[in-house]
Amino acid sequence: MRYLSTRGAWAVAQQPFSAILLEGLAPDGGLAVPQEYPRLSSAELSGLRRLSYPGLAHAILSRFMTDIPEADICCGSAGIYNMVQPDAGAELGRRKIANVMSVRPDAVATGNPGCLLQIQRYLPGPVLLFHPIQLIDASIRGIDPIQAREPREPGRF
């Protein structure tokens, strides 16, 4: 999903969710709004009524941002799994990257440093990688973390 400003910014170059996440307002003072809104069928709306608040929040928000398929798959990079089972660790690492790249991300954030390293190791091309603390720091300092960083080339962290 791409976003544009209510005052016209980004009309030509709509922004991804990752670019507007921490901003609040567009550079022209407008609100960042979706380029298009997802439509829900009456059956989908009825299904939402049965959800808990956290379930409802996830169901709605997931239509406006992209999540990585099989995000819960762990490649073992935070421990010794990759050292004692390098073939299985590599297979899981490549599977994780295939899932990451399937959503064509502008950036990836994970709180696990081992996961960051494993993602970086198998990336086929430049993608911005962040630890959540980096995003919090950028928010506190009032800078755009996407604009402040250059994409990581494969093999370089």
N, C-alpha and C. Protein backbone atom coordinates (compact mmCIF):
# COMPACT_ATOMS: atom_id res chain seq x y z
N MET A 1 0.83 -1.17 0.00
CA MET A 1 0.00 0.00 0.00
C MET A 1 0.89 1.24 0.00
N ARG A 2 0.51 2.22 -0.80
CA ARG A 2 1.25 3.47 -0.90
C ARG A 2 0.41 4.61 -0.33
N TYR A 3 1.11 5.67 0.11
CA TYR A 3 0.46 6.80 0.77
C TYR A 3 0.79 8.11 0.07
N LEU A 4 -0.15 9.07 0.15
CA LEU A 4 0.07 10.41 -0.37
C LEU A 4 -0.45 11.42 0.65
N SER A 5 -0.19 12.68 0.42
CA SER A 5 -0.57 13.74 1.35
C SER A 5 -1.92 14.34 0.97
N THR A 6 -2.68 14.74 1.98
CA THR A 6 -3.96 15.42 1.71
C THR A 6 -3.75 16.79 1.09
N ARG A 7 -2.51 17.31 1.13
CA ARG A 7 -2.22 18.62 0.53
C ARG A 7 -1.41 18.52 -0.76
N GLY A 8 -1.23 17.31 -1.26
CA GLY A 8 -0.61 17.17 -2.57
C GLY A 8 0.80 16.61 -2.61
N ALA A 9 1.51 16.61 -1.49
CA ALA A 9 2.87 16.04 -1.51
C ALA A 9 2.77 14.56 -1.87
N TRP A 10 3.76 14.09 -2.51
CA TRP A 10 3.87 12.68 -2.91
C TRP A 10 2.84 12.28 -3.97
N ALA A 11 2.22 13.26 -4.66
CA ALA A 11 1.24 12.91 -5.69
C ALA A 11 1.87 12.07 -6.79
N VAL A 12 3.12 12.37 -7.12
CA VAL A 12 3.82 11.63 -8.17
C VAL A 12 4.53 10.41 -7.59
N ALA A 13 5.14 10.57 -6.44
CA ALA A 13 5.91 9.49 -5.81
C ALA A 13 5.26 9.11 -4.47
N GLN A 14 4.21 8.28 -4.54
CA GLN A 14 3.54 7.86 -3.32
C GLN A 14 4.55 7.12 -2.43
N GLN A 15 4.33 7.25 -1.11
CA GLN A 15 5.26 6.71 -0.13
C GLN A 15 4.80 5.37 0.42
N PRO A 16 5.74 4.48 0.74
CA PRO A 16 5.37 3.22 1.37
C PRO A 16 5.06 3.44 2.85
N PHE A 17 4.44 2.46 3.47
CA PHE A 17 4.08 2.54 4.89
C PHE A 17 5.31 2.85 5.74
N SER A 18 6.44 2.23 5.42
CA SER A 18 7.64 2.43 6.23
C SER A 18 8.09 3.89 6.23
N ALA A 19 7.79 4.64 5.19
CA ALA A 19 8.22 6.04 5.10
C ALA A 19 7.31 6.96 5.92
N ILE A 20 6.06 6.57 6.12
CA ILE A 20 5.12 7.45 6.83
C ILE A 20 4.90 7.03 8.27
N LEU A 21 5.39 5.87 8.64
CA LEU A 21 5.13 5.29 9.95
C LEU A 21 5.42 6.24 11.10
N LEU A 22 6.56 6.89 11.10
CA LEU A 22 6.97 7.74 12.22
C LEU A 22 6.74 9.23 11.98
N GLU A 23 6.19 9.60 10.85
CA GLU A 23 6.10 11.01 10.48
C GLU A 23 4.96 11.78 11.11
N GLY A 24 3.77 11.27 11.04
CA GLY A 24 2.62 12.03 11.52
C GLY A 24 2.04 12.92 10.43
N LEU A 25 2.86 13.82 9.88
CA LEU A 25 2.42 14.70 8.80
C LEU A 25 3.37 14.59 7.61
N ALA A 26 2.84 14.88 6.45
CA ALA A 26 3.66 14.93 5.23
C ALA A 26 4.49 16.22 5.27
N PRO A 27 5.51 16.35 4.42
CA PRO A 27 6.35 17.56 4.42
C PRO A 27 5.57 18.84 4.16
N ASP A 28 4.42 18.74 3.48
CA ASP A 28 3.63 19.94 3.19
C ASP A 28 2.58 20.21 4.28
N GLY A 29 2.64 19.46 5.38
CA GLY A 29 1.71 19.65 6.49
C GLY A 29 0.42 18.87 6.35
N GLY A 30 0.27 18.16 5.26
CA GLY A 30 -0.94 17.34 5.07
C GLY A 30 -0.83 16.01 5.80
N LEU A 31 -1.95 15.32 5.87
CA LEU A 31 -1.97 14.00 6.48
C LEU A 31 -1.57 12.95 5.45
N ALA A 32 -0.84 11.95 5.90
CA ALA A 32 -0.51 10.83 5.03
C ALA A 32 -1.71 9.89 5.01
N VAL A 33 -2.29 9.72 3.83
CA VAL A 33 -3.47 8.86 3.68
C VAL A 33 -3.20 7.82 2.60
N PRO A 34 -3.85 6.67 2.70
CA PRO A 34 -3.63 5.64 1.68
C PRO A 34 -4.04 6.13 0.29
N GLN A 35 -3.30 5.69 -0.70
CA GLN A 35 -3.62 6.03 -2.09
C GLN A 35 -5.00 5.48 -2.44
N GLU A 36 -5.32 4.33 -1.91
CA GLU A 36 -6.64 3.73 -2.09
C GLU A 36 -6.98 2.99 -0.80
N TYR A 37 -8.25 2.83 -0.55
CA TYR A 37 -8.70 2.18 0.67
C TYR A 37 -9.17 0.76 0.36
N PRO A 38 -8.79 -0.19 1.19
CA PRO A 38 -9.27 -1.55 0.98
C PRO A 38 -10.79 -1.62 1.15
N ARG A 39 -11.42 -2.43 0.37
CA ARG A 39 -12.87 -2.60 0.47
C ARG A 39 -13.14 -3.91 1.22
N LEU A 40 -14.12 -3.87 2.07
CA LEU A 40 -14.51 -5.06 2.83
C LEU A 40 -15.90 -5.50 2.39
N SER A 41 -16.05 -6.78 2.14
CA SER A 41 -17.35 -7.32 1.79
C SER A 41 -18.21 -7.38 3.05
N SER A 42 -19.49 -7.58 2.89
CA SER A 42 -20.37 -7.68 4.05
C SER A 42 -20.01 -8.90 4.90
N ALA A 43 -19.57 -9.96 4.26
CA ALA A 43 -19.15 -11.15 5.01
C ALA A 43 -17.90 -10.85 5.84
N GLU A 44 -16.95 -10.08 5.25
CA GLU A 44 -15.75 -9.71 6.01
C GLU A 44 -16.10 -8.80 7.19
N LEU A 45 -17.01 -7.86 6.98
CA LEU A 45 -17.45 -6.98 8.07
C LEU A 45 -18.11 -7.78 9.19
N SER A 46 -18.94 -8.75 8.82
CA SER A 46 -19.58 -9.59 9.84
C SER A 46 -18.54 -10.37 10.62
N GLY A 47 -17.52 -10.86 9.94
CA GLY A 47 -16.44 -11.59 10.61
C GLY A 47 -15.67 -10.74 11.59
N LEU A 48 -15.56 -9.46 11.31
CA LEU A 48 -14.84 -8.55 12.21
C LEU A 48 -15.56 -8.37 13.54
N ARG A 49 -16.87 -8.49 13.52
CA ARG A 49 -17.66 -8.28 14.75
C ARG A 49 -17.32 -9.30 15.84
N ARG A 50 -16.86 -10.46 15.45
CA ARG A 50 -16.57 -11.53 16.41
C ARG A 50 -15.17 -11.43 17.01
N LEU A 51 -14.36 -10.53 16.51
CA LEU A 51 -12.97 -10.45 16.96
C LEU A 51 -12.82 -9.68 18.26
N SER A 52 -11.79 -10.05 19.01
CA SER A 52 -11.42 -9.27 20.18
C SER A 52 -10.82 -7.95 19.69
N TYR A 53 -10.64 -7.01 20.62
CA TYR A 53 -10.05 -5.73 20.21
C TYR A 53 -8.68 -5.91 19.56
N PRO A 54 -7.74 -6.68 20.17
CA PRO A 54 -6.44 -6.87 19.49
C PRO A 54 -6.60 -7.56 18.13
N GLY A 55 -7.51 -8.52 18.05
CA GLY A 55 -7.74 -9.19 16.77
C GLY A 55 -8.31 -8.25 15.72
N LEU A 56 -9.23 -7.40 16.15
CA LEU A 56 -9.83 -6.41 15.23
C LEU A 56 -8.78 -5.41 14.77
N ALA A 57 -7.97 -4.91 15.72
CA ALA A 57 -6.91 -3.97 15.36
C ALA A 57 -5.97 -4.59 14.33
N HIS A 58 -5.58 -5.84 14.54
CA HIS A 58 -4.68 -6.51 13.59
C HIS A 58 -5.36 -6.68 12.23
N ALA A 59 -6.61 -7.11 12.24
CA ALA A 59 -7.33 -7.33 10.98
C ALA A 59 -7.44 -6.05 10.16
N ILE A 60 -7.68 -4.92 10.82
CA ILE A 60 -7.80 -3.64 10.10
C ILE A 60 -6.44 -3.12 9.69
N LEU A 61 -5.51 -3.03 10.64
CA LEU A 61 -4.19 -2.46 10.34
C LEU A 61 -3.42 -3.27 9.30
N SER A 62 -3.59 -4.58 9.29
CA SER A 62 -2.85 -5.41 8.33
C SER A 62 -3.25 -5.10 6.89
N ARG A 63 -4.37 -4.44 6.69
CA ARG A 63 -4.76 -4.04 5.34
C ARG A 63 -4.02 -2.78 4.89
N PHE A 64 -3.38 -2.08 5.83
CA PHE A 64 -2.70 -0.83 5.53
C PHE A 64 -1.18 -0.93 5.62
N MET A 65 -0.68 -2.05 6.05
CA MET A 65 0.77 -2.26 6.12
C MET A 65 1.05 -3.71 5.76
N THR A 66 2.26 -3.96 5.38
CA THR A 66 2.63 -5.28 4.91
C THR A 66 3.38 -6.04 5.99
N ASP A 67 3.02 -7.30 6.17
CA ASP A 67 3.74 -8.15 7.10
C ASP A 67 4.43 -9.24 6.30
N ILE A 68 5.47 -9.76 6.86
CA ILE A 68 6.26 -10.79 6.19
C ILE A 68 5.62 -12.16 6.44
N PRO A 69 5.36 -12.94 5.39
CA PRO A 69 4.83 -14.29 5.59
C PRO A 69 5.79 -15.13 6.44
N GLU A 70 5.25 -16.00 7.24
CA GLU A 70 6.04 -16.89 8.10
C GLU A 70 7.06 -16.13 8.94
N ALA A 71 6.65 -14.96 9.43
CA ALA A 71 7.57 -14.12 10.20
C ALA A 71 8.08 -14.80 11.46
N ASP A 72 7.36 -15.82 11.92
CA ASP A 72 7.75 -16.52 13.13
C ASP A 72 8.84 -17.57 12.91
N ILE A 73 9.22 -17.81 11.66
CA ILE A 73 10.28 -18.78 11.40
C ILE A 73 11.60 -18.22 11.92
N CYS A 74 12.28 -19.02 12.71
CA CYS A 74 13.57 -18.60 13.27
C CYS A 74 14.67 -19.42 12.62
N CYS A 75 15.71 -18.74 12.19
CA CYS A 75 16.82 -19.42 11.53
C CYS A 75 17.92 -19.82 12.52
N GLY A 76 17.75 -19.48 13.79
CA GLY A 76 18.71 -19.89 14.80
C GLY A 76 19.94 -19.02 14.91
N SER A 77 19.92 -17.84 14.31
CA SER A 77 21.11 -16.99 14.30
C SER A 77 21.42 -16.36 15.64
N ALA A 78 20.45 -16.29 16.54
CA ALA A 78 20.71 -15.67 17.83
C ALA A 78 21.46 -16.61 18.78
N GLY A 79 21.44 -17.89 18.47
CA GLY A 79 22.13 -18.87 19.31
C GLY A 79 23.23 -19.57 18.54
N ILE A 80 23.43 -20.84 18.85
CA ILE A 80 24.50 -21.58 18.18
C ILE A 80 23.98 -22.51 17.08
N TYR A 81 22.67 -22.46 16.81
CA TYR A 81 22.08 -23.38 15.84
C TYR A 81 22.79 -23.32 14.49
N ASN A 82 23.11 -22.13 14.02
CA ASN A 82 23.78 -22.00 12.73
C ASN A 82 25.18 -22.61 12.74
N MET A 83 25.79 -22.67 13.92
CA MET A 83 27.13 -23.27 14.01
C MET A 83 27.05 -24.80 14.06
N VAL A 84 26.06 -25.33 14.79
CA VAL A 84 25.98 -26.79 14.92
C VAL A 84 25.16 -27.42 13.79
N GLN A 85 24.31 -26.64 13.14
CA GLN A 85 23.50 -27.13 12.02
C GLN A 85 23.57 -26.13 10.86
N PRO A 86 24.76 -25.95 10.27
CA PRO A 86 24.91 -24.89 9.26
C PRO A 86 24.03 -25.09 8.02
N ASP A 87 23.84 -26.31 7.58
CA ASP A 87 23.02 -26.52 6.38
C ASP A 87 21.55 -26.17 6.64
N ALA A 88 21.04 -26.65 7.77
CA ALA A 88 19.64 -26.34 8.13
C ALA A 88 19.48 -24.84 8.38
N GLY A 89 20.45 -24.22 9.05
CA GLY A 89 20.40 -22.78 9.31
C GLY A 89 20.40 -21.99 8.01
N ALA A 90 21.22 -22.41 7.05
CA ALA A 90 21.28 -21.73 5.75
C ALA A 90 19.97 -21.89 5.00
N GLU A 91 19.40 -23.09 5.05
CA GLU A 91 18.12 -23.32 4.38
C GLU A 91 17.02 -22.43 4.98
N LEU A 92 16.98 -22.34 6.31
CA LEU A 92 16.00 -21.49 6.97
C LEU A 92 16.26 -20.01 6.66
N GLY A 93 17.54 -19.63 6.59
CA GLY A 93 17.89 -18.26 6.25
C GLY A 93 17.41 -17.88 4.86
N ARG A 94 17.62 -18.77 3.89
CA ARG A 94 17.17 -18.50 2.52
C ARG A 94 15.64 -18.47 2.44
N ARG A 95 14.98 -19.35 3.21
CA ARG A 95 13.51 -19.35 3.24
C ARG A 95 12.99 -18.04 3.83
N LYS A 96 13.64 -17.58 4.89
CA LYS A 96 13.23 -16.33 5.53
C LYS A 96 13.38 -15.17 4.54
N ILE A 97 14.48 -15.13 3.81
CA ILE A 97 14.71 -14.06 2.84
C ILE A 97 13.70 -14.12 1.70
N ALA A 98 13.36 -15.31 1.25
CA ALA A 98 12.34 -15.43 0.21
C ALA A 98 11.03 -14.81 0.69
N ASN A 99 10.68 -15.06 1.96
CA ASN A 99 9.47 -14.47 2.53
C ASN A 99 9.60 -12.96 2.67
N VAL A 100 10.75 -12.49 3.13
CA VAL A 100 10.99 -11.04 3.27
C VAL A 100 10.85 -10.37 1.91
N MET A 101 11.52 -10.91 0.91
CA MET A 101 11.52 -10.28 -0.41
C MET A 101 10.17 -10.40 -1.12
N SER A 102 9.32 -11.34 -0.70
CA SER A 102 8.01 -11.49 -1.34
C SER A 102 7.12 -10.27 -1.14
N VAL A 103 7.38 -9.47 -0.11
CA VAL A 103 6.58 -8.27 0.13
C VAL A 103 7.27 -7.00 -0.41
N ARG A 104 8.41 -7.17 -1.06
CA ARG A 104 9.16 -6.06 -1.66
C ARG A 104 9.33 -4.91 -0.67
N PRO A 105 10.03 -5.16 0.45
CA PRO A 105 10.13 -4.13 1.48
C PRO A 105 11.09 -3.01 1.12
N ASP A 106 10.81 -1.83 1.64
CA ASP A 106 11.75 -0.71 1.57
C ASP A 106 12.74 -0.84 2.71
N ALA A 107 12.27 -1.42 3.81
CA ALA A 107 13.09 -1.56 5.01
C ALA A 107 12.58 -2.74 5.82
N VAL A 108 13.47 -3.27 6.65
CA VAL A 108 13.12 -4.37 7.56
C VAL A 108 13.64 -3.99 8.94
N ALA A 109 12.80 -4.20 9.96
CA ALA A 109 13.22 -3.95 11.34
C ALA A 109 13.00 -5.22 12.15
N THR A 110 13.97 -5.58 12.95
CA THR A 110 13.84 -6.70 13.87
C THR A 110 14.69 -6.41 15.10
N GLY A 111 14.19 -6.83 16.25
CA GLY A 111 14.89 -6.58 17.50
C GLY A 111 15.98 -7.58 17.79
N ASN A 112 16.11 -8.60 16.96
CA ASN A 112 17.11 -9.64 17.18
C ASN A 112 18.34 -9.37 16.32
N PRO A 113 19.48 -9.02 16.93
CA PRO A 113 20.69 -8.74 16.14
C PRO A 113 21.12 -9.93 15.28
N GLY A 114 20.94 -11.15 15.80
CA GLY A 114 21.29 -12.33 15.00
C GLY A 114 20.42 -12.44 13.77
N CYS A 115 19.14 -12.12 13.92
CA CYS A 115 18.22 -12.14 12.79
C CYS A 115 18.61 -11.07 11.76
N LEU A 116 18.98 -9.88 12.25
CA LEU A 116 19.45 -8.83 11.33
C LEU A 116 20.63 -9.31 10.49
N LEU A 117 21.58 -9.97 11.16
CA LEU A 117 22.77 -10.47 10.44
C LEU A 117 22.39 -11.55 9.44
N GLN A 118 21.49 -12.45 9.82
CA GLN A 118 21.09 -13.52 8.91
C GLN A 118 20.33 -12.96 7.72
N ILE A 119 19.45 -11.99 7.95
CA ILE A 119 18.72 -11.37 6.85
C ILE A 119 19.71 -10.69 5.91
N GLN A 120 20.64 -9.94 6.48
CA GLN A 120 21.65 -9.24 5.68
C GLN A 120 22.49 -10.22 4.87
N ARG A 121 22.81 -11.34 5.47
CA ARG A 121 23.65 -12.35 4.80
C ARG A 121 23.02 -12.86 3.51
N TYR A 122 21.72 -13.07 3.51
CA TYR A 122 21.06 -13.70 2.37
C TYR A 122 20.30 -12.73 1.46
N LEU A 123 20.36 -11.44 1.74
CA LEU A 123 19.65 -10.48 0.89
C LEU A 123 20.19 -10.51 -0.53
N PRO A 124 19.30 -10.60 -1.53
CA PRO A 124 19.76 -10.58 -2.91
C PRO A 124 20.03 -9.17 -3.43
N GLY A 125 19.63 -8.16 -2.70
CA GLY A 125 19.83 -6.78 -3.15
C GLY A 125 19.72 -5.82 -1.99
N PRO A 126 19.92 -4.55 -2.25
CA PRO A 126 19.91 -3.56 -1.16
C PRO A 126 18.52 -3.36 -0.55
N VAL A 127 18.46 -3.48 0.77
CA VAL A 127 17.26 -3.22 1.56
C VAL A 127 17.74 -2.58 2.86
N LEU A 128 17.03 -1.59 3.34
CA LEU A 128 17.39 -0.96 4.61
C LEU A 128 17.08 -1.90 5.77
N LEU A 129 18.02 -2.04 6.69
CA LEU A 129 17.85 -2.89 7.86
C LEU A 129 17.94 -2.03 9.11
N PHE A 130 17.01 -2.23 10.05
CA PHE A 130 16.98 -1.45 11.28
C PHE A 130 16.75 -2.33 12.48
N HIS A 131 17.33 -1.93 13.58
CA HIS A 131 16.95 -2.43 14.90
C HIS A 131 15.90 -1.43 15.39
N PRO A 132 14.86 -1.87 16.11
CA PRO A 132 13.84 -0.92 16.56
C PRO A 132 14.38 0.28 17.33
N ILE A 133 15.48 0.10 18.05
CA ILE A 133 16.06 1.23 18.79
C ILE A 133 16.51 2.32 17.81
N GLN A 134 16.98 1.95 16.64
CA GLN A 134 17.36 2.94 15.64
C GLN A 134 16.14 3.76 15.20
N LEU A 135 14.99 3.11 15.08
CA LEU A 135 13.78 3.81 14.68
C LEU A 135 13.30 4.74 15.79
N ILE A 136 13.40 4.28 17.03
CA ILE A 136 13.03 5.13 18.16
C ILE A 136 13.95 6.34 18.23
N ASP A 137 15.26 6.11 18.06
CA ASP A 137 16.23 7.21 18.08
C ASP A 137 15.91 8.23 16.98
N ALA A 138 15.61 7.74 15.78
CA ALA A 138 15.29 8.65 14.68
C ALA A 138 14.04 9.47 15.00
N SER A 139 13.05 8.82 15.63
CA SER A 139 11.83 9.51 16.00
C SER A 139 12.11 10.61 17.03
N ILE A 140 12.92 10.30 18.03
CA ILE A 140 13.26 11.27 19.07
C ILE A 140 14.01 12.46 18.47
N ARG A 141 14.94 12.16 17.55
CA ARG A 141 15.73 13.23 16.94
C ARG A 141 14.99 13.95 15.83
N GLY A 142 13.82 13.45 15.44
CA GLY A 142 13.03 14.10 14.41
C GLY A 142 13.58 13.94 13.01
N ILE A 143 14.25 12.82 12.75
CA ILE A 143 14.78 12.58 11.40
C ILE A 143 14.05 11.40 10.77
N ASP A 144 14.06 11.36 9.47
CA ASP A 144 13.46 10.26 8.72
C ASP A 144 14.50 9.15 8.62
N PRO A 145 14.27 8.01 9.26
CA PRO A 145 15.28 6.95 9.24
C PRO A 145 15.52 6.38 7.84
N ILE A 146 14.50 6.42 7.00
CA ILE A 146 14.64 5.90 5.64
C ILE A 146 15.59 6.79 4.83
N GLN A 147 15.39 8.12 4.95
CA GLN A 147 16.23 9.05 4.19
C GLN A 147 17.65 9.14 4.76
N ALA A 148 17.80 8.87 6.04
CA ALA A 148 19.10 9.02 6.69
C ALA A 148 20.04 7.83 6.44
N ARG A 149 19.52 6.73 5.93
CA ARG A 149 20.33 5.53 5.75
C ARG A 149 20.42 5.16 4.28
N GLU A 150 21.53 4.60 3.92
CA GLU A 150 21.71 4.04 2.59
C GLU A 150 21.40 2.55 2.64
N PRO A 151 20.82 1.98 1.58
CA PRO A 151 20.57 0.54 1.59
C PRO A 151 21.85 -0.25 1.77
N ARG A 152 21.74 -1.38 2.45
CA ARG A 152 22.88 -2.26 2.66
C ARG A 152 23.08 -3.13 1.42
N GLU A 153 24.27 -3.15 0.93
CA GLU A 153 24.59 -4.01 -0.20
C GLU A 153 24.76 -5.44 0.33
N PRO A 154 24.46 -6.44 -0.49
CA PRO A 154 24.65 -7.82 -0.04
C PRO A 154 26.09 -8.03 0.45
N GLY A 155 26.21 -8.72 1.57
CA GLY A 155 27.55 -9.02 2.09
C GLY A 155 28.17 -7.93 2.94
N ARG A 156 27.49 -6.78 3.09
CA ARG A 156 28.03 -5.68 3.90
C ARG A 156 26.99 -5.29 4.94
N PHE A 157 27.43 -5.13 6.19
CA PHE A 157 26.51 -4.70 7.25
C PHE A 157 26.97 -3.37 7.77
